[in-house]
């Protein structure tokens, strides 16, 4: 079967699964409203959350706990301003490995997870095996990270980096369709 046919089948399967996710997890419109509100304002009080979704506090808290138990809500976090904390450089790095066997992928991923500068790491299709988003305090620290750490990671064959000049859009909230 051609490579593109397999990718098309995977995409169709993904779309089908997304459209049925609320049926699988038994999530209703109220749950979606709760999720939408929480991902935009995680510190909202339960009373204010309940009021905004037209529930009393006890059932609202029960629904939030159920969403946490199902793994739909995976964590609560605080977003920090990287520039104000001195992390002025953001770079995207494409990584190509020498081999793509599972044991080498696992070794590379373990190594990448040990680097606090790596903010995101994705296993990719196409010409690169991984795409990383890395932060640095300045170009010198970034160069040090690339040459001393990343290039020395297991099985790395090639690195290609692009420095971000400006962040145009950044969000963490998923698009939740509420009918």
N, C-alpha and C. Protein backbone atom coordinates (compact mmCIF):
# COMPACT_ATOMS: atom_id res chain seq x y z
N UNK A 1 0.85 -1.18 0.00
CA UNK A 1 0.00 0.00 0.00
C UNK A 1 0.90 1.24 0.00
N UNK A 2 0.66 2.21 -0.88
CA UNK A 2 1.50 3.40 -0.93
C UNK A 2 1.48 4.18 0.38
N UNK A 3 2.58 4.89 0.63
CA UNK A 3 2.75 5.65 1.87
C UNK A 3 1.60 6.63 2.09
N UNK A 4 1.16 7.32 1.04
CA UNK A 4 0.11 8.33 1.18
C UNK A 4 -1.24 7.70 1.49
N UNK A 5 -1.49 6.51 1.00
CA UNK A 5 -2.74 5.81 1.30
C UNK A 5 -2.83 5.47 2.78
N UNK A 6 -1.71 5.05 3.34
CA UNK A 6 -1.68 4.74 4.76
C UNK A 6 -1.92 6.00 5.58
N UNK A 7 -1.27 7.11 5.19
CA UNK A 7 -1.47 8.36 5.90
C UNK A 7 -2.92 8.83 5.79
N UNK A 8 -3.54 8.66 4.64
CA UNK A 8 -4.93 9.05 4.46
C UNK A 8 -5.84 8.22 5.37
N UNK A 9 -5.58 6.92 5.44
CA UNK A 9 -6.37 6.06 6.31
C UNK A 9 -6.21 6.46 7.78
N UNK A 10 -4.99 6.80 8.18
CA UNK A 10 -4.75 7.24 9.56
C UNK A 10 -5.49 8.54 9.84
N UNK A 11 -5.48 9.47 8.88
CA UNK A 11 -6.17 10.74 9.05
C UNK A 11 -7.68 10.54 9.17
N UNK A 12 -8.25 9.70 8.32
CA UNK A 12 -9.69 9.41 8.39
C UNK A 12 -10.04 8.79 9.74
N UNK A 13 -9.21 7.85 10.20
CA UNK A 13 -9.42 7.22 11.50
C UNK A 13 -9.37 8.25 12.62
N UNK A 14 -8.41 9.18 12.56
CA UNK A 14 -8.29 10.21 13.57
C UNK A 14 -9.52 11.10 13.59
N UNK A 15 -10.00 11.53 12.42
CA UNK A 15 -11.19 12.37 12.34
C UNK A 15 -12.40 11.63 12.91
N UNK A 16 -12.56 10.37 12.57
CA UNK A 16 -13.67 9.58 13.08
C UNK A 16 -13.61 9.48 14.60
N UNK A 17 -12.41 9.23 15.12
CA UNK A 17 -12.25 9.09 16.57
C UNK A 17 -12.53 10.40 17.30
N UNK A 18 -12.09 11.54 16.72
CA UNK A 18 -12.35 12.83 17.35
C UNK A 18 -13.84 13.10 17.39
N UNK A 19 -14.56 12.79 16.32
CA UNK A 19 -16.00 13.07 16.29
C UNK A 19 -16.77 12.19 17.27
N UNK A 20 -16.21 11.07 17.64
CA UNK A 20 -16.89 10.16 18.57
C UNK A 20 -16.35 10.23 19.99
N UNK A 21 -15.41 11.14 20.24
CA UNK A 21 -14.77 11.18 21.55
C UNK A 21 -15.76 11.47 22.67
N UNK A 22 -16.73 12.36 22.41
CA UNK A 22 -17.69 12.67 23.48
C UNK A 22 -18.56 11.47 23.80
N UNK A 23 -18.83 10.62 22.79
CA UNK A 23 -19.60 9.41 23.04
C UNK A 23 -18.78 8.40 23.85
N UNK A 24 -17.51 8.26 23.52
CA UNK A 24 -16.64 7.30 24.19
C UNK A 24 -16.42 7.70 25.64
N UNK A 25 -16.14 8.98 25.89
CA UNK A 25 -15.86 9.45 27.24
C UNK A 25 -17.11 9.88 27.99
N UNK A 26 -18.24 9.86 27.33
CA UNK A 26 -19.51 10.29 27.92
C UNK A 26 -19.41 11.72 28.44
N UNK A 27 -19.03 12.61 27.55
CA UNK A 27 -18.91 14.02 27.86
C UNK A 27 -20.09 14.74 27.22
N UNK A 28 -20.79 15.52 28.02
CA UNK A 28 -21.94 16.25 27.49
C UNK A 28 -21.60 17.74 27.32
N UNK A 29 -22.60 18.53 26.94
CA UNK A 29 -22.39 19.96 26.71
C UNK A 29 -21.93 20.69 27.97
N UNK A 30 -22.44 20.29 29.12
CA UNK A 30 -22.04 20.93 30.38
C UNK A 30 -20.56 20.65 30.65
N UNK A 31 -20.14 19.39 30.44
CA UNK A 31 -18.73 19.05 30.62
C UNK A 31 -17.85 19.87 29.67
N UNK A 32 -18.28 20.01 28.42
CA UNK A 32 -17.52 20.80 27.45
C UNK A 32 -17.44 22.26 27.89
N UNK A 33 -18.52 22.78 28.44
CA UNK A 33 -18.50 24.16 28.94
C UNK A 33 -17.53 24.31 30.11
N UNK A 34 -17.53 23.32 30.99
CA UNK A 34 -16.59 23.32 32.12
C UNK A 34 -15.15 23.30 31.60
N UNK A 35 -14.87 22.41 30.66
CA UNK A 35 -13.52 22.31 30.11
C UNK A 35 -13.10 23.61 29.44
N UNK A 36 -14.00 24.19 28.67
CA UNK A 36 -13.69 25.43 27.97
C UNK A 36 -13.35 26.53 28.96
N UNK A 37 -14.12 26.62 30.02
CA UNK A 37 -13.89 27.67 31.03
C UNK A 37 -12.59 27.43 31.79
N UNK A 38 -12.35 26.18 32.18
CA UNK A 38 -11.15 25.87 32.96
C UNK A 38 -9.86 26.07 32.17
N UNK A 39 -9.89 25.74 30.89
CA UNK A 39 -8.63 25.88 30.15
C UNK A 39 -8.30 27.34 29.86
N UNK A 40 -9.27 28.22 30.01
CA UNK A 40 -9.01 29.65 29.85
C UNK A 40 -8.83 30.37 31.18
N UNK A 41 -9.28 29.75 32.26
CA UNK A 41 -9.18 30.37 33.58
C UNK A 41 -9.11 29.27 34.64
N UNK A 42 -7.96 28.64 34.75
CA UNK A 42 -7.80 27.47 35.62
C UNK A 42 -7.95 27.81 37.10
N UNK A 43 -7.75 29.06 37.47
CA UNK A 43 -7.83 29.44 38.88
C UNK A 43 -9.23 29.87 39.31
N UNK A 44 -10.19 29.72 38.43
CA UNK A 44 -11.56 30.11 38.77
C UNK A 44 -12.04 29.28 39.96
N UNK A 45 -12.78 29.90 40.85
CA UNK A 45 -13.32 29.16 42.00
C UNK A 45 -14.42 28.21 41.51
N UNK A 46 -14.65 27.17 42.26
CA UNK A 46 -15.70 26.23 41.91
C UNK A 46 -17.07 26.91 41.89
N UNK A 47 -17.29 27.84 42.80
CA UNK A 47 -18.57 28.55 42.85
C UNK A 47 -18.77 29.37 41.57
N UNK A 48 -17.74 30.10 41.14
CA UNK A 48 -17.84 30.90 39.92
C UNK A 48 -17.97 30.00 38.69
N UNK A 49 -17.24 28.89 38.68
CA UNK A 49 -17.33 27.94 37.57
C UNK A 49 -18.75 27.38 37.49
N UNK A 50 -19.27 26.95 38.62
CA UNK A 50 -20.62 26.38 38.65
C UNK A 50 -21.64 27.39 38.15
N UNK A 51 -21.52 28.62 38.59
CA UNK A 51 -22.44 29.67 38.15
C UNK A 51 -22.35 29.88 36.64
N UNK A 52 -21.13 29.86 36.10
CA UNK A 52 -20.95 30.13 34.67
C UNK A 52 -21.49 29.01 33.77
N UNK A 53 -21.64 27.79 34.33
CA UNK A 53 -22.18 26.67 33.54
C UNK A 53 -23.57 26.26 34.02
N UNK A 54 -24.17 27.11 34.85
CA UNK A 54 -25.55 26.89 35.33
C UNK A 54 -25.72 25.61 36.14
N UNK A 55 -24.80 25.36 37.04
CA UNK A 55 -24.90 24.24 37.98
C UNK A 55 -24.75 24.77 39.39
N UNK A 56 -25.14 23.96 40.35
CA UNK A 56 -24.81 24.30 41.73
C UNK A 56 -23.39 23.79 41.99
N UNK A 57 -22.71 24.31 43.02
CA UNK A 57 -21.31 23.97 43.24
C UNK A 57 -21.00 22.47 43.40
N UNK A 58 -21.82 21.73 44.14
CA UNK A 58 -21.50 20.31 44.39
C UNK A 58 -21.49 19.48 43.10
N UNK A 59 -22.53 19.56 42.26
CA UNK A 59 -22.48 18.79 41.00
C UNK A 59 -21.37 19.27 40.06
N UNK A 60 -21.07 20.55 40.10
CA UNK A 60 -19.98 21.07 39.26
C UNK A 60 -18.65 20.46 39.69
N UNK A 61 -18.38 20.46 40.99
CA UNK A 61 -17.14 19.88 41.50
C UNK A 61 -17.07 18.39 41.18
N UNK A 62 -18.21 17.69 41.30
CA UNK A 62 -18.24 16.26 40.97
C UNK A 62 -17.86 16.05 39.51
N UNK A 63 -18.38 16.89 38.61
CA UNK A 63 -18.05 16.76 37.18
C UNK A 63 -16.57 17.04 36.92
N UNK A 64 -16.03 18.04 37.58
CA UNK A 64 -14.60 18.35 37.42
C UNK A 64 -13.76 17.17 37.87
N UNK A 65 -14.09 16.58 39.01
CA UNK A 65 -13.34 15.42 39.52
C UNK A 65 -13.46 14.23 38.57
N UNK A 66 -14.64 14.03 37.98
CA UNK A 66 -14.82 12.95 37.00
C UNK A 66 -13.96 13.19 35.75
N UNK A 67 -13.90 14.43 35.31
CA UNK A 67 -13.05 14.76 34.14
C UNK A 67 -11.58 14.56 34.47
N UNK A 68 -11.19 14.84 35.70
CA UNK A 68 -9.81 14.59 36.14
C UNK A 68 -9.54 13.08 36.17
N UNK A 69 -10.46 12.32 36.74
CA UNK A 69 -10.30 10.86 36.85
C UNK A 69 -10.24 10.18 35.49
N UNK A 70 -10.99 10.70 34.52
CA UNK A 70 -10.97 10.15 33.15
C UNK A 70 -9.70 10.54 32.40
N UNK A 71 -8.94 11.47 32.95
CA UNK A 71 -7.72 11.92 32.28
C UNK A 71 -7.96 13.02 31.26
N UNK A 72 -9.20 13.50 31.16
CA UNK A 72 -9.48 14.59 30.22
C UNK A 72 -8.78 15.86 30.71
N UNK A 73 -8.85 16.12 32.00
CA UNK A 73 -8.06 17.19 32.62
C UNK A 73 -6.81 16.50 33.16
N UNK A 74 -5.66 16.79 32.52
CA UNK A 74 -4.44 16.09 32.92
C UNK A 74 -3.65 16.82 33.99
N UNK A 75 -3.75 18.15 34.02
CA UNK A 75 -3.04 18.91 35.06
C UNK A 75 -3.50 20.37 35.02
N UNK A 76 -3.09 21.09 36.02
CA UNK A 76 -3.30 22.54 36.08
C UNK A 76 -1.91 23.15 36.13
N UNK A 77 -1.71 24.27 35.44
CA UNK A 77 -0.37 24.83 35.36
C UNK A 77 -0.42 26.35 35.34
N UNK A 78 0.73 26.96 35.56
CA UNK A 78 0.88 28.40 35.48
C UNK A 78 1.80 28.69 34.30
N UNK A 79 1.38 29.59 33.43
CA UNK A 79 2.20 29.97 32.29
C UNK A 79 3.05 31.18 32.66
N UNK A 80 4.33 31.09 32.39
CA UNK A 80 5.27 32.15 32.73
C UNK A 80 5.71 32.90 31.47
N UNK A 81 6.13 34.15 31.64
CA UNK A 81 6.63 34.95 30.53
C UNK A 81 8.12 34.68 30.38
N UNK A 82 8.49 33.96 29.32
CA UNK A 82 9.89 33.56 29.11
C UNK A 82 10.82 34.77 28.99
N UNK A 83 10.40 35.80 28.26
CA UNK A 83 11.25 36.98 28.09
C UNK A 83 11.56 37.65 29.43
N UNK A 84 10.53 37.80 30.27
CA UNK A 84 10.73 38.47 31.56
C UNK A 84 11.62 37.66 32.49
N UNK A 85 11.75 36.36 32.24
CA UNK A 85 12.61 35.51 33.06
C UNK A 85 13.97 35.26 32.41
N UNK A 86 14.23 35.97 31.31
CA UNK A 86 15.56 35.90 30.68
C UNK A 86 15.74 34.82 29.63
N UNK A 87 14.67 34.15 29.22
CA UNK A 87 14.76 33.15 28.16
C UNK A 87 14.36 33.84 26.85
N UNK A 88 15.32 34.54 26.25
CA UNK A 88 15.04 35.45 25.14
C UNK A 88 15.05 34.80 23.77
N UNK A 89 15.63 33.61 23.65
CA UNK A 89 15.76 32.98 22.34
C UNK A 89 14.91 31.72 22.30
N UNK A 90 14.14 31.60 21.23
CA UNK A 90 13.34 30.40 20.99
C UNK A 90 13.73 29.87 19.61
N UNK A 91 14.03 28.60 19.55
CA UNK A 91 14.50 28.01 18.30
C UNK A 91 13.78 26.69 18.05
N UNK A 92 13.52 26.44 16.78
CA UNK A 92 12.95 25.15 16.37
C UNK A 92 14.07 24.36 15.72
N UNK A 93 14.25 23.14 16.18
CA UNK A 93 15.36 22.32 15.69
C UNK A 93 14.80 21.02 15.12
N UNK A 94 15.12 20.77 13.86
CA UNK A 94 14.77 19.51 13.21
C UNK A 94 15.92 18.54 13.46
N UNK A 95 15.60 17.36 13.91
CA UNK A 95 16.61 16.35 14.22
C UNK A 95 16.38 15.14 13.32
N UNK A 96 17.44 14.71 12.66
CA UNK A 96 17.38 13.47 11.90
C UNK A 96 18.32 12.48 12.57
N UNK A 97 17.82 11.28 12.79
CA UNK A 97 18.61 10.24 13.44
C UNK A 97 19.29 9.35 12.41
N UNK A 98 20.33 8.66 12.84
CA UNK A 98 21.03 7.73 11.96
C UNK A 98 20.14 6.54 11.61
N UNK A 99 19.41 6.05 12.62
CA UNK A 99 18.52 4.91 12.43
C UNK A 99 17.20 5.22 13.14
N UNK A 100 16.13 4.62 12.65
CA UNK A 100 14.82 4.86 13.24
C UNK A 100 14.25 3.60 13.88
N UNK A 101 15.10 2.75 14.39
CA UNK A 101 14.61 1.55 15.07
C UNK A 101 14.11 1.97 16.46
N UNK A 102 13.16 1.21 16.98
CA UNK A 102 12.49 1.61 18.22
C UNK A 102 13.44 1.86 19.38
N UNK A 103 14.43 1.02 19.54
CA UNK A 103 15.35 1.19 20.68
C UNK A 103 16.11 2.52 20.58
N UNK A 104 16.47 2.93 19.36
CA UNK A 104 17.17 4.21 19.18
C UNK A 104 16.24 5.39 19.42
N UNK A 105 14.99 5.26 19.01
CA UNK A 105 14.00 6.32 19.27
C UNK A 105 13.81 6.48 20.77
N UNK A 106 13.69 5.38 21.48
CA UNK A 106 13.50 5.41 22.94
C UNK A 106 14.71 6.07 23.61
N UNK A 107 15.92 5.70 23.20
CA UNK A 107 17.13 6.28 23.78
C UNK A 107 17.18 7.78 23.55
N UNK A 108 16.86 8.20 22.33
CA UNK A 108 16.87 9.63 22.01
C UNK A 108 15.84 10.37 22.86
N UNK A 109 14.64 9.83 22.96
CA UNK A 109 13.57 10.48 23.71
C UNK A 109 13.91 10.58 25.20
N UNK A 110 14.53 9.55 25.76
CA UNK A 110 14.95 9.62 27.16
C UNK A 110 15.97 10.74 27.36
N UNK A 111 16.89 10.84 26.43
CA UNK A 111 17.91 11.89 26.51
C UNK A 111 17.27 13.27 26.41
N UNK A 112 16.38 13.46 25.46
CA UNK A 112 15.72 14.76 25.25
C UNK A 112 14.90 15.15 26.48
N UNK A 113 14.26 14.19 27.11
CA UNK A 113 13.47 14.48 28.31
C UNK A 113 14.32 14.96 29.48
N UNK A 114 15.61 14.74 29.42
CA UNK A 114 16.49 15.19 30.50
C UNK A 114 16.98 16.63 30.31
N UNK A 115 16.68 17.24 29.16
CA UNK A 115 17.13 18.61 28.88
C UNK A 115 16.02 19.61 29.21
N UNK A 116 16.20 20.44 30.24
CA UNK A 116 15.15 21.40 30.59
C UNK A 116 14.93 22.48 29.53
N UNK A 117 15.91 22.72 28.68
CA UNK A 117 15.76 23.73 27.63
C UNK A 117 14.77 23.30 26.55
N UNK A 118 14.53 21.99 26.42
CA UNK A 118 13.61 21.48 25.40
C UNK A 118 12.19 21.62 25.96
N UNK A 119 11.44 22.50 25.34
CA UNK A 119 10.07 22.78 25.79
C UNK A 119 9.06 21.83 25.16
N UNK A 120 9.33 21.43 23.91
CA UNK A 120 8.43 20.53 23.19
C UNK A 120 9.28 19.62 22.31
N UNK A 121 8.81 18.41 22.10
CA UNK A 121 9.48 17.45 21.23
C UNK A 121 8.42 16.60 20.56
N UNK A 122 8.49 16.53 19.24
CA UNK A 122 7.51 15.77 18.46
C UNK A 122 8.22 14.78 17.55
N UNK A 123 7.73 13.56 17.51
CA UNK A 123 8.16 12.58 16.52
C UNK A 123 7.42 12.93 15.24
N UNK A 124 8.15 13.04 14.13
CA UNK A 124 7.58 13.60 12.90
C UNK A 124 7.58 12.60 11.75
N UNK A 125 6.76 12.92 10.75
CA UNK A 125 6.88 12.28 9.45
C UNK A 125 7.64 13.26 8.57
N UNK A 126 8.11 12.79 7.42
CA UNK A 126 8.81 13.70 6.50
C UNK A 126 10.31 13.58 6.60
N UNK A 127 11.00 14.67 6.29
CA UNK A 127 12.46 14.64 6.19
C UNK A 127 13.17 14.62 7.54
N UNK A 128 12.50 15.02 8.60
CA UNK A 128 13.09 15.01 9.94
C UNK A 128 12.40 13.96 10.80
N UNK A 129 13.15 13.43 11.75
CA UNK A 129 12.57 12.46 12.67
C UNK A 129 11.89 13.13 13.85
N UNK A 130 12.47 14.24 14.32
CA UNK A 130 11.93 14.96 15.47
C UNK A 130 11.95 16.45 15.19
N UNK A 131 11.02 17.16 15.81
CA UNK A 131 11.01 18.62 15.82
C UNK A 131 11.00 19.05 17.28
N UNK A 132 11.96 19.90 17.63
CA UNK A 132 12.08 20.38 19.01
C UNK A 132 11.84 21.88 19.05
N UNK A 133 11.24 22.33 20.13
CA UNK A 133 11.23 23.76 20.43
C UNK A 133 12.09 23.92 21.67
N UNK A 134 13.14 24.74 21.54
CA UNK A 134 14.14 24.90 22.58
C UNK A 134 14.24 26.37 22.95
N UNK A 135 14.43 26.66 24.23
CA UNK A 135 14.65 28.03 24.67
C UNK A 135 16.08 28.19 25.15
N UNK A 136 16.59 29.41 24.98
CA UNK A 136 17.93 29.74 25.46
C UNK A 136 17.93 31.16 26.00
N UNK A 137 18.85 31.42 26.90
CA UNK A 137 18.94 32.78 27.46
C UNK A 137 19.50 33.76 26.44
N UNK A 138 20.37 33.26 25.57
CA UNK A 138 20.97 34.07 24.51
C UNK A 138 21.54 33.13 23.46
N UNK A 139 22.13 33.68 22.41
CA UNK A 139 22.66 32.84 21.33
C UNK A 139 23.83 31.97 21.80
N UNK A 140 24.64 32.50 22.70
CA UNK A 140 25.78 31.71 23.20
C UNK A 140 25.30 30.48 23.97
N UNK A 141 24.28 30.65 24.82
CA UNK A 141 23.76 29.50 25.58
C UNK A 141 23.09 28.50 24.64
N UNK A 142 22.45 29.02 23.61
CA UNK A 142 21.83 28.15 22.62
C UNK A 142 22.89 27.34 21.87
N UNK A 143 23.97 28.00 21.46
CA UNK A 143 25.06 27.31 20.78
C UNK A 143 25.64 26.22 21.67
N UNK A 144 25.81 26.53 22.94
CA UNK A 144 26.35 25.56 23.88
C UNK A 144 25.41 24.36 24.01
N UNK A 145 24.11 24.62 24.10
CA UNK A 145 23.15 23.52 24.18
C UNK A 145 23.23 22.63 22.95
N UNK A 146 23.26 23.24 21.78
CA UNK A 146 23.28 22.45 20.54
C UNK A 146 24.56 21.64 20.40
N UNK A 147 25.69 22.27 20.63
CA UNK A 147 26.96 21.56 20.41
C UNK A 147 27.32 20.59 21.53
N UNK A 148 27.06 20.99 22.78
CA UNK A 148 27.47 20.16 23.92
C UNK A 148 26.46 19.09 24.30
N UNK A 149 25.18 19.37 24.12
CA UNK A 149 24.15 18.42 24.55
C UNK A 149 23.45 17.72 23.39
N UNK A 150 22.80 18.52 22.54
CA UNK A 150 21.95 17.93 21.51
C UNK A 150 22.75 17.13 20.48
N UNK A 151 23.84 17.68 20.00
CA UNK A 151 24.64 16.96 19.00
C UNK A 151 25.26 15.69 19.59
N UNK A 152 25.40 15.66 20.91
CA UNK A 152 25.98 14.49 21.57
C UNK A 152 24.91 13.46 21.96
N UNK A 153 23.65 13.77 21.71
CA UNK A 153 22.57 12.83 22.05
C UNK A 153 22.71 11.57 21.20
N UNK A 154 22.22 10.44 21.70
CA UNK A 154 22.39 9.18 20.98
C UNK A 154 21.74 9.18 19.60
N UNK A 155 22.52 8.70 18.61
CA UNK A 155 22.00 8.42 17.27
C UNK A 155 21.69 9.66 16.43
N UNK A 156 22.14 10.86 16.84
CA UNK A 156 21.85 12.07 16.06
C UNK A 156 22.75 12.11 14.83
N UNK A 157 22.12 12.26 13.66
CA UNK A 157 22.86 12.32 12.40
C UNK A 157 22.94 13.74 11.88
N UNK A 158 21.86 14.52 12.07
CA UNK A 158 21.82 15.85 11.47
C UNK A 158 20.90 16.75 12.28
N UNK A 159 21.30 18.02 12.40
CA UNK A 159 20.48 19.03 13.07
C UNK A 159 20.29 20.21 12.13
N UNK A 160 19.09 20.77 12.17
CA UNK A 160 18.80 21.96 11.37
C UNK A 160 17.94 22.88 12.24
N UNK A 161 18.41 24.10 12.47
CA UNK A 161 17.70 24.98 13.39
C UNK A 161 17.21 26.24 12.70
N UNK A 162 16.11 26.76 13.24
CA UNK A 162 15.54 28.03 12.79
C UNK A 162 15.18 28.83 14.03
N UNK A 163 15.76 30.01 14.15
CA UNK A 163 15.50 30.86 15.30
C UNK A 163 14.22 31.65 15.05
N UNK A 164 13.34 31.65 16.03
CA UNK A 164 12.10 32.42 15.93
C UNK A 164 12.41 33.89 16.16
N UNK A 165 11.99 34.73 15.23
CA UNK A 165 12.20 36.17 15.38
C UNK A 165 11.13 36.80 16.26
N UNK A 166 9.90 36.30 16.14
CA UNK A 166 8.79 36.85 16.90
C UNK A 166 7.72 35.79 17.05
N UNK A 167 7.14 35.71 18.22
CA UNK A 167 6.01 34.79 18.44
C UNK A 167 4.74 35.53 18.03
N UNK A 168 4.09 35.03 16.99
CA UNK A 168 2.90 35.66 16.45
C UNK A 168 1.66 35.16 17.18
N UNK A 169 1.62 33.89 17.47
CA UNK A 169 0.48 33.30 18.17
C UNK A 169 0.97 32.18 19.07
N UNK A 170 0.42 32.15 20.26
CA UNK A 170 0.70 31.07 21.20
C UNK A 170 -0.54 30.88 22.05
N UNK A 171 -1.01 29.68 22.11
CA UNK A 171 -2.15 29.37 22.97
C UNK A 171 -2.04 27.97 23.49
N UNK A 172 -2.69 27.72 24.58
CA UNK A 172 -2.69 26.39 25.16
C UNK A 172 -4.10 25.80 25.16
N UNK A 173 -5.11 26.63 24.94
CA UNK A 173 -6.49 26.18 24.99
C UNK A 173 -6.87 25.47 23.69
N UNK A 174 -7.38 24.24 23.82
CA UNK A 174 -7.86 23.50 22.66
C UNK A 174 -9.20 24.07 22.19
N UNK A 175 -9.48 24.00 20.90
CA UNK A 175 -10.78 24.48 20.43
C UNK A 175 -11.87 23.48 20.81
N UNK A 176 -12.77 23.91 21.67
CA UNK A 176 -13.85 23.04 22.13
C UNK A 176 -15.14 23.55 21.51
N UNK A 177 -15.77 22.69 20.74
CA UNK A 177 -17.03 23.06 20.10
C UNK A 177 -18.17 22.85 21.08
N UNK A 178 -18.83 23.93 21.40
CA UNK A 178 -20.01 23.86 22.26
C UNK A 178 -21.19 24.29 21.40
N UNK A 179 -22.14 23.38 21.25
CA UNK A 179 -23.26 23.63 20.36
C UNK A 179 -24.19 24.69 20.88
